[in-house]
Amino acid sequence: MTNKRRTEITIETRTVTIMRTRGKSIVFCEICQTEVEVFSPPQIVSLLRLELAEIKRLFQNNQIHFVGATEMLCGNSLADYFETNKTTNKEGAIQ
């Protein structure tokens, strides 16, 4: 009888996306109940390589939110969403 050994290796990875903008805007978010940095949809398209349709879908599914009646996205909701749901592919694009 031969004893077979099996070694299992698990590798966990984590990606951090830092978004920096000139002249950042800080406003109070009523949903988060704190001051947050806000981003325009075109900034998110450019920074995170998302399609505008994807941003709209995330908003409609309450996965991210806009601040008040503005057309600006709450940075906290974006960070929370990407921390729990997104990965990057080999080219660095967010999936």
C-alpha atoms as a PDB file:
ATOM      1  CA  MET A   1       0.000   0.000   0.000  1.00  0.00           C
ATOM      2  CA  THR A   2       1.412   3.401  -0.947  1.00  0.00           C
ATOM      3  CA  ASN A   3       0.618   6.621   0.813  1.00  0.00           C
ATOM      4  CA  LYS A   4       0.027   9.504  -1.527  1.00  0.00           C
ATOM      5  CA  ARG A   5       0.489  13.018  -0.252  1.00  0.00           C
ATOM      6  CA  ARG A   6      -1.389  15.873  -1.701  1.00  0.00           C
ATOM      7  CA  THR A   7      -0.328  19.453  -1.187  1.00  0.00           C
ATOM      8  CA  GLU A   8      -2.858  22.170  -1.815  1.00  0.00           C
ATOM      9  CA  ILE A   9      -1.742  25.769  -2.239  1.00  0.00           C
ATOM     10  CA  THR A  10      -4.217  28.618  -2.081  1.00  0.00           C
ATOM     11  CA  ILE A  11      -3.188  32.049  -3.294  1.00  0.00           C
ATOM     12  CA  GLU A  12      -5.313  35.056  -2.465  1.00  0.00           C
ATOM     13  CA  THR A  13      -4.819  38.338  -4.260  1.00  0.00           C
ATOM     14  CA  ARG A  14      -6.238  41.763  -3.746  1.00  0.00           C
ATOM     15  CA  THR A  15      -6.262  44.743  -6.074  1.00  0.00           C
ATOM     16  CA  VAL A  16      -6.411  48.296  -4.834  1.00  0.00           C
ATOM     17  CA  THR A  17      -7.627  51.054  -7.120  1.00  0.00           C
ATOM     18  CA  ILE A  18      -6.738  54.568  -6.061  1.00  0.00           C
ATOM     19  CA  MET A  19      -8.687  57.292  -7.790  1.00  0.00           C
ATOM     20  CA  ARG A  20      -7.175  60.746  -7.646  1.00  0.00           C
ATOM     21  CA  THR A  21      -8.616  63.770  -9.333  1.00  0.00           C
ATOM     22  CA  ARG A  22      -7.647  67.407  -9.475  1.00  0.00           C
ATOM     23  CA  GLY A  23      -9.962  69.725  -7.615  1.00  0.00           C
ATOM     24  CA  LYS A  24     -11.848  66.924  -5.925  1.00  0.00           C
ATOM     25  CA  SER A  25     -15.367  67.628  -4.775  1.00  0.00           C
ATOM     26  CA  ILE A  26     -16.455  66.715  -1.258  1.00  0.00           C
ATOM     27  CA  VAL A  27     -20.171  66.825  -0.473  1.00  0.00           C
ATOM     28  CA  PHE A  28     -22.492  65.369   2.145  1.00  0.00           C
ATOM     29  CA  CYS A  29     -24.108  62.083   1.083  1.00  0.00           C
ATOM     30  CA  GLU A  30     -27.487  61.541   2.711  1.00  0.00           C
ATOM     31  CA  ILE A  31     -27.368  57.787   2.104  1.00  0.00           C
ATOM     32  CA  CYS A  32     -23.897  57.319   3.649  1.00  0.00           C
ATOM     33  CA  GLN A  33     -24.538  60.038   6.251  1.00  0.00           C
ATOM     34  CA  THR A  34     -21.029  61.430   5.806  1.00  0.00           C
ATOM     35  CA  GLU A  35     -18.992  63.703   3.560  1.00  0.00           C
ATOM     36  CA  VAL A  36     -17.779  61.853   0.476  1.00  0.00           C
ATOM     37  CA  GLU A  37     -15.746  62.525  -2.615  1.00  0.00           C
ATOM     38  CA  VAL A  38     -17.939  62.510  -5.701  1.00  0.00           C
ATOM     39  CA  PHE A  39     -17.186  61.570  -9.292  1.00  0.00           C
ATOM     40  CA  SER A  40     -18.957  62.294 -12.556  1.00  0.00           C
ATOM     41  CA  PRO A  41     -19.989  59.340 -14.728  1.00  0.00           C
ATOM     42  CA  PRO A  42     -17.427  60.340 -17.426  1.00  0.00           C
ATOM     43  CA  GLN A  43     -14.683  60.285 -14.755  1.00  0.00           C
ATOM     44  CA  ILE A  44     -15.712  56.762 -13.739  1.00  0.00           C
ATOM     45  CA  VAL A  45     -15.800  55.639 -17.381  1.00  0.00           C
ATOM     46  CA  SER A  46     -12.269  56.965 -17.810  1.00  0.00           C
ATOM     47  CA  LEU A  47     -10.774  55.907 -14.470  1.00  0.00           C
ATOM     48  CA  LEU A  48     -12.337  52.465 -14.101  1.00  0.00           C
ATOM     49  CA  ARG A  49     -12.809  51.586 -17.777  1.00  0.00           C
ATOM     50  CA  LEU A  50     -16.510  50.966 -17.355  1.00  0.00           C
ATOM     51  CA  GLU A  51     -19.165  51.581 -19.966  1.00  0.00           C
ATOM     52  CA  LEU A  52     -21.774  54.223 -19.184  1.00  0.00           C
ATOM     53  CA  ALA A  53     -24.456  51.541 -19.545  1.00  0.00           C
ATOM     54  CA  GLU A  54     -22.739  49.510 -16.792  1.00  0.00           C
ATOM     55  CA  ILE A  55     -22.766  52.514 -14.462  1.00  0.00           C
ATOM     56  CA  LYS A  56     -26.487  53.002 -15.125  1.00  0.00           C
ATOM     57  CA  ARG A  57     -27.132  49.300 -14.459  1.00  0.00           C
ATOM     58  CA  LEU A  58     -25.246  49.441 -11.157  1.00  0.00           C
ATOM     59  CA  PHE A  59     -27.277  52.504 -10.143  1.00  0.00           C
ATOM     60  CA  GLN A  60     -30.591  50.899 -11.127  1.00  0.00           C
ATOM     61  CA  ASN A  61     -29.677  47.808  -9.072  1.00  0.00           C
ATOM     62  CA  ASN A  62     -28.862  50.018  -6.045  1.00  0.00           C
ATOM     63  CA  GLN A  63     -25.247  48.856  -6.081  1.00  0.00           C
ATOM     64  CA  ILE A  64     -23.920  52.428  -6.345  1.00  0.00           C
ATOM     65  CA  HIS A  65     -25.704  55.708  -5.781  1.00  0.00           C
ATOM     66  CA  PHE A  66     -25.755  59.335  -6.807  1.00  0.00           C
ATOM     67  CA  VAL A  67     -25.361  62.099  -4.256  1.00  0.00           C
ATOM     68  CA  GLY A  68     -28.625  63.938  -3.725  1.00  0.00           C
ATOM     69  CA  ALA A  69     -30.112  65.361  -6.911  1.00  0.00           C
ATOM     70  CA  THR A  70     -26.701  65.789  -8.540  1.00  0.00           C
ATOM     71  CA  GLU A  71     -25.280  63.844 -11.436  1.00  0.00           C
ATOM     72  CA  MET A  72     -22.307  62.887  -9.275  1.00  0.00           C
ATOM     73  CA  LEU A  73     -21.594  59.386  -7.992  1.00  0.00           C
ATOM     74  CA  CYS A  74     -20.800  58.769  -4.336  1.00  0.00           C
ATOM     75  CA  GLY A  75     -17.186  57.649  -3.922  1.00  0.00           C
ATOM     76  CA  ASN A  76     -18.076  55.517  -0.883  1.00  0.00           C
ATOM     77  CA  SER A  77     -20.666  53.500  -2.796  1.00  0.00           C
ATOM     78  CA  LEU A  78     -18.191  52.972  -5.650  1.00  0.00           C
ATOM     79  CA  ALA A  79     -15.473  51.828  -3.252  1.00  0.00           C
ATOM     80  CA  ASP A  80     -17.847  49.467  -1.426  1.00  0.00           C
ATOM     81  CA  TYR A  81     -19.071  47.956  -4.680  1.00  0.00           C
ATOM     82  CA  PHE A  82     -15.637  47.353  -6.159  1.00  0.00           C
ATOM     83  CA  GLU A  83     -14.228  46.030  -2.907  1.00  0.00           C
ATOM     84  CA  THR A  84     -16.828  43.277  -2.768  1.00  0.00           C
ATOM     85  CA  ASN A  85     -17.604  42.568  -6.427  1.00  0.00           C
ATOM     86  CA  LYS A  86     -14.899  43.405  -8.890  1.00  0.00           C
ATOM     87  CA  THR A  87     -11.616  41.982 -10.123  1.00  0.00           C
ATOM     88  CA  THR A  88      -9.245  43.107 -12.840  1.00  0.00           C
ATOM     89  CA  ASN A  89      -8.166  41.184 -15.884  1.00  0.00           C
ATOM     90  CA  LYS A  90      -4.621  40.892 -17.257  1.00  0.00           C
ATOM     91  CA  GLU A  91      -4.938  44.182 -19.131  1.00  0.00           C
ATOM     92  CA  GLY A  92      -5.937  45.998 -15.931  1.00  0.00           C
ATOM     93  CA  ALA A  93      -9.530  46.561 -17.002  1.00  0.00           C
ATOM     94  CA  ILE A  94     -12.143  46.099 -14.314  1.00  0.00           C
ATOM     95  CA  GLN A  95     -14.544  43.210 -14.850  1.00  0.00           C
END
